[in-house]
Amino acid sequence: MSAREEVMDLVGQIKRQLINSQEIGLDAPFLSTARLNYLKKERQLEIAPLVEELYFNSLEELEDYISDCDRCKLSRERKNTVFGEGLADARLVFVGEAPGLEEDLTGKPFVGLAGKLLTDIIKAMGLTREEVYICNIVKCHPPHNRDPEPDETGMCLPFLKAQISLIRPEIICTLGRISAQSLVKKDFKITRDRGQWHSFMGTPLIPTYHPAYLLRYPQAKRDVWEDMQQIMQKLGLKDPRGVRD
């Protein structure tokens, strides 16, 4: 039994004991109204990882810390955690949504067709994959390539914050709806709001379409290239080769 499961079991026992005491007329220990209402609710205890309270000296140390993470249900079926890769002090960080099947097997982000397209976009900007940093909101592959669920993104978000704190990029580019909703706002709509500048942890952030979307709708490449040109302008990159349909 994991530590999380042990805590959940303990809280469940306390909850049942309090309810039983109340039913037979015994005085229960004093609890605030808010805490009593919480215990009466039929829901699982959500335990957020304490990443924000820990200090990591390097990305390697953080990656080792989460390599055997079991904080959410995604850990049950994954083959590998997909931490991220790239330059440890990259000026630009790309944040996707979740690892796919190929990423789960290799432990590396963006290695399939969508990854190849992202690599092409990065090259067109005058950069290489080794000069940027690439990661996802969640570090484990959701079954059947479904979207990560709010409790899963919530559990992994402190890990991403720790990554950003260590890398200290000049710009963050989110790829797709899920990552933008996690870092910008919950009601973010990719077709309406992409290409607009926001801020995350004090770092300029621009959302754009996910490369997987471009594989289905290649006409959106023009929009993505406009977003990349905004990034290049902020980074002072010149003479881009361009992305052609």
Protein backbone atom coordinates (compact mmCIF):
# COMPACT_ATOMS: atom_id res chain seq x y z
CA MET A 1 0.00 0.00 0.00
CA SER A 2 1.35 3.41 -0.99
CA ALA A 3 1.63 6.33 1.43
CA ARG A 4 -1.28 8.04 -0.27
CA GLU A 5 -3.47 4.95 0.05
CA GLU A 6 -2.53 4.59 3.73
CA VAL A 7 -3.55 8.19 4.46
CA MET A 8 -6.81 7.76 2.56
CA ASP A 9 -7.55 4.56 4.51
CA LEU A 10 -6.79 6.28 7.83
CA VAL A 11 -9.04 9.25 7.03
CA GLY A 12 -11.77 6.84 5.97
CA GLN A 13 -11.56 5.06 9.32
CA ILE A 14 -11.75 8.35 11.22
CA LYS A 15 -14.72 9.42 9.16
CA ARG A 16 -16.61 6.18 9.86
CA GLN A 17 -15.81 6.39 13.57
CA LEU A 18 -17.11 9.96 13.83
CA ILE A 19 -20.30 9.10 11.98
CA ASN A 20 -20.89 6.00 14.13
CA SER A 21 -20.33 8.00 17.33
CA GLN A 22 -22.82 10.61 16.18
CA GLU A 23 -25.42 7.97 15.31
CA ILE A 24 -25.31 6.32 18.77
CA GLY A 25 -25.37 9.63 20.61
CA LEU A 26 -21.76 9.89 21.74
CA ASP A 27 -20.04 13.23 21.84
CA ALA A 28 -17.54 13.54 19.03
CA PRO A 29 -14.31 15.53 19.30
CA PHE A 30 -14.76 19.19 18.48
CA LEU A 31 -14.45 19.90 14.77
CA SER A 32 -15.23 23.08 12.91
CA THR A 33 -18.37 23.20 10.78
CA ALA A 34 -16.26 23.26 7.62
CA ARG A 35 -14.36 20.12 8.65
CA LEU A 36 -17.54 18.29 9.66
CA ASN A 37 -19.12 19.14 6.32
CA TYR A 38 -16.02 17.89 4.54
CA LEU A 39 -16.10 14.54 6.34
CA LYS A 40 -19.79 14.09 5.56
CA LYS A 41 -19.18 14.36 1.83
CA GLU A 42 -18.89 11.11 -0.10
CA ARG A 43 -15.66 11.74 -1.96
CA GLN A 44 -12.11 10.55 -1.98
CA LEU A 45 -9.47 12.53 -0.23
CA GLU A 46 -7.32 14.44 -2.66
CA ILE A 47 -3.70 14.63 -1.56
CA ALA A 48 -1.62 17.15 -3.48
CA PRO A 49 2.07 16.42 -3.84
CA LEU A 50 4.30 18.54 -1.65
CA VAL A 51 6.62 19.49 -4.49
CA GLU A 52 6.24 23.21 -3.92
CA GLU A 53 7.60 22.78 -0.41
CA LEU A 54 10.70 20.91 -1.56
CA TYR A 55 13.90 22.24 -3.03
CA PHE A 56 15.56 20.65 -6.03
CA ASN A 57 19.11 21.42 -7.11
CA SER A 58 18.68 20.23 -10.70
CA LEU A 59 16.27 18.83 -13.25
CA GLU A 60 17.97 15.46 -12.80
CA GLU A 61 17.16 15.51 -9.10
CA LEU A 62 13.52 16.42 -9.81
CA GLU A 63 13.24 13.72 -12.49
CA ASP A 64 14.57 11.12 -10.08
CA TYR A 65 12.08 12.29 -7.45
CA ILE A 66 9.05 11.69 -9.71
CA SER A 67 10.31 8.61 -11.58
CA ASP A 68 8.26 6.29 -9.37
CA CYS A 69 5.38 8.70 -8.70
CA ASP A 70 2.09 7.04 -7.76
CA ARG A 71 0.09 10.12 -6.79
CA CYS A 72 -2.70 9.64 -9.33
CA LYS A 73 -4.36 6.83 -11.25
CA LEU A 74 -2.24 7.40 -14.38
CA SER A 75 0.62 5.62 -12.62
CA ARG A 76 -1.25 2.30 -12.71
CA GLU A 77 -0.83 1.60 -16.43
CA ARG A 78 2.15 3.66 -17.51
CA LYS A 79 5.38 2.08 -18.74
CA ASN A 80 7.56 5.14 -18.06
CA THR A 81 7.19 8.62 -16.67
CA VAL A 82 7.91 11.18 -19.39
CA PHE A 83 9.69 13.96 -17.58
CA GLY A 84 10.90 16.17 -20.43
CA GLU A 85 14.14 16.87 -22.25
CA GLY A 86 16.23 19.67 -23.62
CA LEU A 87 18.56 22.42 -22.47
CA ALA A 88 18.56 22.87 -18.70
CA ASP A 89 18.62 26.66 -19.06
CA ALA A 90 16.63 26.91 -22.30
CA ARG A 91 15.29 30.30 -23.30
CA LEU A 92 12.13 28.67 -24.69
CA VAL A 93 10.01 25.91 -23.11
CA PHE A 94 7.27 24.06 -25.00
CA VAL A 95 4.57 22.55 -22.78
CA GLY A 96 2.31 19.92 -24.31
CA GLU A 97 -0.63 18.08 -22.82
CA ALA A 98 0.24 14.45 -22.07
CA PRO A 99 2.55 11.70 -23.36
CA GLY A 100 1.23 9.44 -26.11
CA LEU A 101 1.80 5.72 -26.46
CA GLU A 102 5.19 6.11 -28.15
CA GLU A 103 6.30 8.55 -25.49
CA ASP A 104 5.17 6.12 -22.79
CA LEU A 105 7.31 3.37 -24.31
CA THR A 106 10.42 5.51 -24.79
CA GLY A 107 10.15 7.86 -21.81
CA LYS A 108 10.79 10.82 -24.14
CA PRO A 109 8.38 13.64 -25.07
CA PHE A 110 7.09 14.24 -28.61
CA VAL A 111 8.70 11.32 -30.44
CA GLY A 112 5.82 10.37 -32.79
CA LEU A 113 4.51 12.14 -35.88
CA ALA A 114 3.44 15.15 -33.83
CA GLY A 115 6.92 15.25 -32.34
CA LYS A 116 8.52 15.22 -35.78
CA LEU A 117 6.35 18.15 -36.79
CA LEU A 118 7.31 20.03 -33.62
CA THR A 119 10.97 19.38 -34.44
CA ASP A 120 10.42 20.84 -37.93
CA ILE A 121 8.79 23.93 -36.45
CA ILE A 122 11.68 24.41 -34.04
CA LYS A 123 14.18 24.08 -36.89
CA ALA A 124 12.23 26.63 -38.93
CA MET A 125 12.68 29.04 -36.03
CA GLY A 126 16.44 28.68 -36.38
CA LEU A 127 16.73 26.46 -33.30
CA THR A 128 17.22 22.78 -32.53
CA ARG A 129 15.41 20.51 -30.07
CA GLU A 130 18.58 20.48 -28.00
CA GLU A 131 18.39 24.27 -27.59
CA VAL A 132 14.83 24.34 -26.21
CA TYR A 133 13.06 22.37 -23.49
CA ILE A 134 10.05 20.14 -24.23
CA CYS A 135 7.69 18.67 -21.64
CA ASN A 136 4.02 18.04 -20.87
CA ILE A 137 1.52 19.04 -18.21
CA VAL A 138 1.20 15.43 -17.02
CA LYS A 139 4.12 13.04 -16.96
CA CYS A 140 2.24 9.76 -17.53
CA HIS A 141 0.34 8.44 -20.55
CA PRO A 142 -3.46 8.57 -20.16
CA PRO A 143 -5.05 5.27 -21.25
CA HIS A 144 -6.39 5.17 -24.80
CA ASN A 145 -4.90 8.61 -25.46
CA ARG A 146 -7.75 10.31 -23.62
CA ASP A 147 -7.39 13.85 -22.33
CA PRO A 148 -5.81 14.12 -18.88
CA GLU A 149 -8.45 14.79 -16.23
CA PRO A 150 -8.45 17.78 -13.84
CA ASP A 151 -7.30 15.74 -10.83
CA GLU A 152 -4.39 14.38 -12.90
CA THR A 153 -3.27 17.78 -14.18
CA GLY A 154 -3.65 19.13 -10.64
CA MET A 155 -1.34 16.47 -9.24
CA CYS A 156 1.33 17.08 -11.91
CA LEU A 157 1.20 20.88 -12.04
CA PRO A 158 3.61 21.35 -9.09
CA PHE A 159 6.16 19.22 -10.97
CA LEU A 160 5.87 21.51 -14.00
CA LYS A 161 6.24 24.55 -11.76
CA ALA A 162 9.41 23.05 -10.33
CA GLN A 163 10.74 22.47 -13.86
CA ILE A 164 10.02 26.08 -14.84
CA SER A 165 11.69 27.34 -11.64
CA LEU A 166 14.86 25.38 -12.46
CA ILE A 167 14.99 26.25 -16.18
CA ARG A 168 13.95 29.90 -15.82
CA PRO A 169 13.02 30.35 -19.49
CA GLU A 170 12.36 33.65 -21.20
CA ILE A 171 9.21 32.33 -22.92
CA ILE A 172 6.76 29.45 -22.43
CA CYS A 173 4.74 28.16 -25.39
CA THR A 174 1.79 25.92 -24.54
CA LEU A 175 0.72 23.40 -27.16
CA GLY A 176 -2.98 22.61 -27.25
CA ARG A 177 -6.09 23.31 -25.21
CA ILE A 178 -5.32 21.27 -22.08
CA SER A 179 -1.97 22.88 -21.36
CA ALA A 180 -3.35 26.38 -21.91
CA GLN A 181 -6.33 25.71 -19.64
CA SER A 182 -3.92 24.47 -16.97
CA LEU A 183 -1.53 27.43 -17.15
CA VAL A 184 -3.68 30.31 -18.43
CA LYS A 185 -7.38 29.93 -17.53
CA LYS A 186 -9.93 27.14 -17.30
CA ASP A 187 -12.26 28.61 -19.93
CA PHE A 188 -9.45 29.01 -22.47
CA LYS A 189 -10.56 28.21 -26.05
CA ILE A 190 -7.69 27.41 -28.40
CA THR A 191 -9.43 28.63 -31.57
CA ARG A 192 -10.35 31.92 -29.91
CA ASP A 193 -7.43 32.65 -27.60
CA ARG A 194 -4.29 31.26 -29.23
CA GLY A 195 -1.55 33.68 -30.17
CA GLN A 196 -2.25 36.05 -27.26
CA TRP A 197 0.38 36.75 -24.60
CA HIS A 198 -0.17 35.77 -20.98
CA SER A 199 2.10 35.19 -17.98
CA PHE A 200 2.89 32.08 -15.93
CA MET A 201 5.14 32.31 -12.87
CA GLY A 202 6.24 35.69 -14.13
CA THR A 203 7.27 34.30 -17.55
CA PRO A 204 5.68 35.45 -20.82
CA LEU A 205 3.48 32.66 -22.20
CA ILE A 206 1.88 32.25 -25.61
CA PRO A 207 -0.54 29.41 -26.47
CA THR A 208 -0.75 27.79 -29.89
CA TYR A 209 -2.19 24.68 -31.53
CA HIS A 210 -0.82 21.25 -30.67
CA PRO A 211 1.21 19.64 -33.49
CA ALA A 212 -1.25 16.72 -33.46
CA TYR A 213 -3.97 19.20 -34.43
CA LEU A 214 -1.85 20.36 -37.36
CA LEU A 215 -1.63 16.78 -38.63
CA ARG A 216 -5.42 16.74 -38.89
CA TYR A 217 -5.85 20.36 -40.00
CA PRO A 218 -2.70 21.43 -41.88
CA GLN A 219 -4.35 24.73 -42.80
CA ALA A 220 -3.73 25.82 -39.18
CA LYS A 221 0.05 25.77 -39.76
CA ARG A 222 -0.14 29.39 -40.87
CA ASP A 223 -1.60 30.40 -37.50
CA VAL A 224 1.10 28.47 -35.63
CA TRP A 225 3.81 30.09 -37.69
CA GLU A 226 2.42 33.53 -36.82
CA ASP A 227 2.67 32.55 -33.14
CA MET A 228 6.25 31.31 -33.63
CA GLN A 229 7.16 34.60 -35.29
CA GLN A 230 5.99 36.42 -32.16
CA ILE A 231 8.27 34.19 -30.09
CA MET A 232 11.22 34.75 -32.43
CA GLN A 233 10.72 38.49 -32.24
CA LYS A 234 10.85 38.41 -28.42
CA LEU A 235 13.93 36.16 -28.49
CA GLY A 236 15.67 38.27 -31.15
CA LEU A 237 15.88 35.40 -33.65
CA LYS A 238 16.40 36.45 -37.27
CA ASP A 239 16.13 35.01 -40.79
CA PRO A 240 13.68 32.16 -40.15
CA ARG A 241 13.32 29.62 -42.93
CA GLY A 242 9.51 29.47 -42.53
CA VAL A 243 7.07 26.57 -42.37
CA ARG A 244 5.37 25.59 -45.60
CA ASP A 245 2.07 23.78 -45.90
